[in-house]
Amino acid sequence: MQTSDFRSLKSICPECRKGSMVEFYPFCSTQCRSIDLSRWLHGEYVIAAVEDEKSEEEVKDIL
């Protein structure tokens, strides 16, 4: 795909559900981009992690 092809793709702003703008992709505006960033910075979004079930002693034995 060429760059011009990407501009023709329709995308929805994950914040307000309006059409996104190339300048702010994937958002529609600076405001929506800032709202999303604020949520990340305040810990409202989390990425699930899988805990390793090895005990501390097993880890020490490996090292």
Protein backbone atom coordinates (compact mmCIF):
# COMPACT_ATOMS: atom_id res chain seq x y z
CA MET A 1 0.00 0.00 0.00
CA GLN A 2 1.14 3.48 -0.74
CA THR A 3 0.89 6.38 1.70
CA SER A 4 -2.10 7.81 -0.17
CA ASP A 5 -3.90 4.48 0.27
CA PHE A 6 -3.65 4.76 4.07
CA ARG A 7 -5.25 8.20 4.02
CA SER A 8 -8.32 6.82 2.29
CA LEU A 9 -8.89 4.16 4.97
CA LYS A 10 -11.72 4.98 7.35
CA SER A 11 -10.86 4.77 11.03
CA ILE A 12 -12.87 5.59 14.14
CA CYS A 13 -11.50 7.63 17.03
CA PRO A 14 -11.28 5.29 20.04
CA GLU A 15 -12.23 8.15 22.36
CA CYS A 16 -15.33 9.80 20.84
CA ARG A 17 -16.13 7.38 17.98
CA LYS A 18 -15.97 10.10 15.29
CA GLY A 19 -13.88 9.65 12.17
CA SER A 20 -10.16 9.91 12.90
CA MET A 21 -7.87 12.44 11.22
CA VAL A 22 -4.50 11.64 9.66
CA GLU A 23 -2.78 14.36 11.71
CA PHE A 24 -3.98 12.85 15.00
CA TYR A 25 -4.26 9.16 14.07
CA PRO A 26 -5.85 7.11 15.55
CA PHE A 27 -7.70 10.01 17.19
CA CYS A 28 -9.83 12.76 15.65
CA SER A 29 -8.29 15.70 17.50
CA THR A 30 -5.67 16.87 19.96
CA GLN A 31 -8.34 16.85 22.66
CA CYS A 32 -9.13 13.14 22.22
CA ARG A 33 -5.43 12.30 22.05
CA SER A 34 -4.82 14.22 25.30
CA ILE A 35 -7.74 12.54 27.08
CA ASP A 36 -6.33 9.13 26.16
CA LEU A 37 -2.82 10.08 27.31
CA SER A 38 -4.22 11.34 30.60
CA ARG A 39 -5.95 8.01 31.18
CA TRP A 40 -2.66 6.15 30.62
CA LEU A 41 -0.77 8.49 32.95
CA HIS A 42 -3.38 8.11 35.72
CA GLY A 43 -3.30 4.32 35.51
CA GLU A 44 -6.81 3.89 34.16
CA TYR A 45 -5.56 1.47 31.51
CA VAL A 46 -3.72 -1.66 32.55
CA ILE A 47 -1.92 -4.37 30.64
CA ALA A 48 -2.49 -7.81 32.09
CA ALA A 49 0.64 -9.70 33.07
CA VAL A 50 1.11 -13.41 33.63
CA GLU A 51 2.84 -14.16 36.91
CA ASP A 52 5.64 -16.70 36.85
CA GLU A 53 4.85 -19.48 39.30
CA LYS A 54 8.47 -20.18 40.29
CA SER A 55 9.34 -19.52 43.90
CA GLU A 56 12.21 -17.26 44.91
CA GLU A 57 14.33 -20.27 45.87
CA GLU A 58 13.86 -21.87 42.44
CA VAL A 59 14.99 -18.63 40.82
CA LYS A 60 18.08 -18.48 43.09
CA ASP A 61 18.92 -22.09 42.16
CA ILE A 62 18.78 -21.21 38.46
CA LEU A 63 21.15 -18.28 38.92
